[in-house]
Amino acid sequence: MIDYRKLEPTAYNATKVPGNVWYFPRVRYRMDEYEEHPSQKPEALLDRIIRASSNPGDLVLDPFAGTFTTGAVAKRLGRRFVGIERERKYIKIGVRRLKLRRELDGELLAAPEKSHVRRNGPSAARAEADGGPRDGDAGAS
């Protein structure tokens, strides 16, 4: 790879520059970082972006904060954070996640409870038809 930002283009030091394809698993239901949002980004991805584009003490802005993953990672990395979100249910998640308050609007802010009951696939269809989980199905609600 060539760095064309310099006066004379030079080769990048391949041991210091990340490649142009990053692999991160998407956030899944059973992951600790999971929140109830349809397009939540992995913390590892935001960690890399924030480290690459800011220094400790800098201000990080996320104008579409969602479940405030950017804010949680920024806080962990010693950055200040401003998040903008219009959906009240996601603001509640963000306030809890950033440990700003324990309750909001008179509601206790708690992480989502995760049952490990399979919600789709053949065994879920059989369980629904029979009125409950079958032997061998994971967990109970």
Protein backbone atom coordinates (compact mmCIF):
# COMPACT_ATOMS: atom_id res chain seq x y z
CA MET A 1 0.00 0.00 0.00
CA ILE A 2 1.16 3.51 -0.80
CA ASP A 3 0.64 6.60 1.36
CA TYR A 4 -0.24 9.37 -1.10
CA ARG A 5 -0.77 11.99 1.64
CA LYS A 6 2.95 12.76 1.81
CA LEU A 7 4.78 15.04 -0.63
CA GLU A 8 6.57 12.02 -2.01
CA PRO A 9 4.36 8.90 -1.99
CA THR A 10 5.96 6.21 0.16
CA ALA A 11 5.09 2.68 1.14
CA TYR A 12 3.17 2.20 4.37
CA ASN A 13 4.77 0.29 7.19
CA ALA A 14 2.50 -2.78 6.94
CA THR A 15 3.03 -3.71 10.59
CA LYS A 16 1.48 -0.42 11.80
CA VAL A 17 -1.31 0.22 9.29
CA PRO A 18 -4.46 -1.90 9.50
CA GLY A 19 -5.70 -3.48 6.32
CA ASN A 20 -8.65 -2.05 4.48
CA VAL A 21 -10.99 -4.90 5.51
CA TRP A 22 -11.91 -5.30 9.17
CA TYR A 23 -13.62 -8.43 10.46
CA PHE A 24 -15.90 -8.11 13.50
CA PRO A 25 -18.76 -10.40 14.48
CA ARG A 26 -22.13 -8.70 14.54
CA VAL A 27 -23.76 -8.21 17.92
CA ARG A 28 -25.87 -11.24 18.76
CA TYR A 29 -28.59 -11.80 21.33
CA ARG A 30 -26.47 -13.87 23.72
CA MET A 31 -23.50 -11.47 23.74
CA ASP A 32 -22.90 -9.46 26.93
CA GLU A 33 -22.87 -6.19 24.99
CA TYR A 34 -26.27 -6.86 23.37
CA GLU A 35 -28.97 -4.23 23.81
CA GLU A 36 -32.40 -4.19 22.21
CA HIS A 37 -31.58 -2.27 19.01
CA PRO A 38 -31.90 -3.49 15.40
CA SER A 39 -28.54 -2.17 14.18
CA GLN A 40 -26.21 -2.17 17.17
CA LYS A 41 -22.52 -1.95 16.30
CA PRO A 42 -19.87 -4.16 17.94
CA GLU A 43 -17.86 -2.53 20.73
CA ALA A 44 -14.64 -3.86 19.16
CA LEU A 45 -15.36 -1.91 15.95
CA LEU A 46 -16.04 1.33 17.81
CA ASP A 47 -12.98 0.76 20.00
CA ARG A 48 -10.79 0.65 16.90
CA ILE A 49 -12.42 3.71 15.31
CA ILE A 50 -12.24 5.82 18.48
CA ARG A 51 -8.61 4.86 19.19
CA ALA A 52 -7.63 5.66 15.59
CA SER A 53 -9.41 9.02 15.41
CA SER A 54 -9.06 10.58 18.89
CA ASN A 55 -6.88 10.94 21.93
CA PRO A 56 -7.75 10.52 25.62
CA GLY A 57 -9.66 13.59 26.79
CA ASP A 58 -11.00 14.38 23.28
CA LEU A 59 -14.71 14.85 22.66
CA VAL A 60 -16.50 12.14 20.64
CA LEU A 61 -19.82 13.01 18.96
CA ASP A 62 -22.40 10.41 17.90
CA PRO A 63 -25.41 12.15 16.31
CA PHE A 64 -27.33 8.86 16.03
CA ALA A 65 -26.47 7.35 19.41
CA GLY A 66 -28.93 4.43 19.45
CA THR A 67 -28.01 2.33 22.48
CA PHE A 68 -24.94 4.52 23.13
CA THR A 69 -22.32 1.90 22.26
CA THR A 70 -20.05 4.71 21.03
CA GLY A 71 -20.48 6.51 24.36
CA ALA A 72 -19.77 3.40 26.42
CA VAL A 73 -16.57 2.71 24.47
CA ALA A 74 -15.51 6.39 24.50
CA LYS A 75 -15.97 6.53 28.27
CA ARG A 76 -13.95 3.31 28.74
CA LEU A 77 -11.15 4.82 26.61
CA GLY A 78 -11.06 8.09 28.57
CA ARG A 79 -12.82 10.25 25.99
CA ARG A 80 -15.66 12.68 26.64
CA PHE A 81 -18.90 11.95 24.79
CA VAL A 82 -21.92 13.73 23.36
CA GLY A 83 -24.70 11.53 22.02
CA ILE A 84 -27.88 12.58 20.24
CA GLU A 85 -30.87 10.24 20.16
CA ARG A 86 -34.56 10.97 19.67
CA GLU A 87 -36.10 7.62 20.69
CA ARG A 88 -36.84 7.63 24.43
CA LYS A 89 -36.43 3.85 24.79
CA TYR A 90 -32.85 4.08 23.46
CA ILE A 91 -32.08 7.11 25.64
CA LYS A 92 -33.05 5.00 28.66
CA ILE A 93 -30.66 2.27 27.52
CA GLY A 94 -27.89 4.84 27.07
CA VAL A 95 -28.42 6.44 30.46
CA ARG A 96 -28.21 3.00 32.10
CA ARG A 97 -25.27 1.89 30.01
CA LEU A 98 -23.24 5.02 30.77
CA LYS A 99 -24.18 4.66 34.47
CA LEU A 100 -25.59 8.19 34.59
CA ARG A 101 -28.73 7.24 36.55
CA ARG A 102 -30.40 4.12 37.93
CA GLU A 103 -33.89 5.26 36.97
CA LEU A 104 -35.46 7.62 34.46
CA ASP A 105 -39.07 8.78 34.23
CA GLY A 106 -39.83 6.74 37.35
CA GLU A 107 -38.67 3.53 35.64
CA LEU A 108 -35.83 1.41 36.99
CA LEU A 109 -33.24 1.03 34.24
CA ALA A 110 -32.22 -2.62 33.94
CA ALA A 111 -30.33 -4.61 31.32
CA PRO A 112 -32.51 -6.82 29.11
CA GLU A 113 -33.22 -10.24 30.57
CA LYS A 114 -32.04 -12.90 28.18
CA SER A 115 -33.71 -16.24 28.02
CA HIS A 116 -31.87 -18.79 26.00
CA VAL A 117 -34.96 -20.29 24.45
CA ARG A 118 -34.58 -20.74 20.74
CA ARG A 119 -37.07 -18.48 18.97
CA ASN A 120 -36.83 -19.87 15.45
CA GLY A 121 -35.87 -23.04 13.66
CA PRO A 122 -37.36 -26.55 13.72
CA SER A 123 -37.23 -27.17 17.49
CA ALA A 124 -38.91 -23.81 18.19
CA ALA A 125 -41.74 -24.66 15.79
CA ARG A 126 -42.24 -28.05 17.47
CA ALA A 127 -42.19 -26.46 20.93
CA GLU A 128 -44.79 -23.88 19.88
CA ALA A 129 -47.02 -26.60 18.40
CA ASP A 130 -46.74 -28.64 21.63
CA GLY A 131 -47.28 -25.62 23.85
CA GLY A 132 -43.83 -25.40 25.43
CA PRO A 133 -40.11 -26.26 25.17
CA ARG A 134 -39.15 -29.78 24.23
CA ASP A 135 -36.46 -31.98 25.77
CA GLY A 136 -33.10 -30.87 24.45
CA ASP A 137 -34.21 -27.27 23.87
CA ALA A 138 -32.01 -24.69 25.55
CA GLY A 139 -33.25 -23.19 28.81
CA ALA A 140 -36.68 -22.02 29.80
CA SER A 141 -38.13 -18.55 29.92
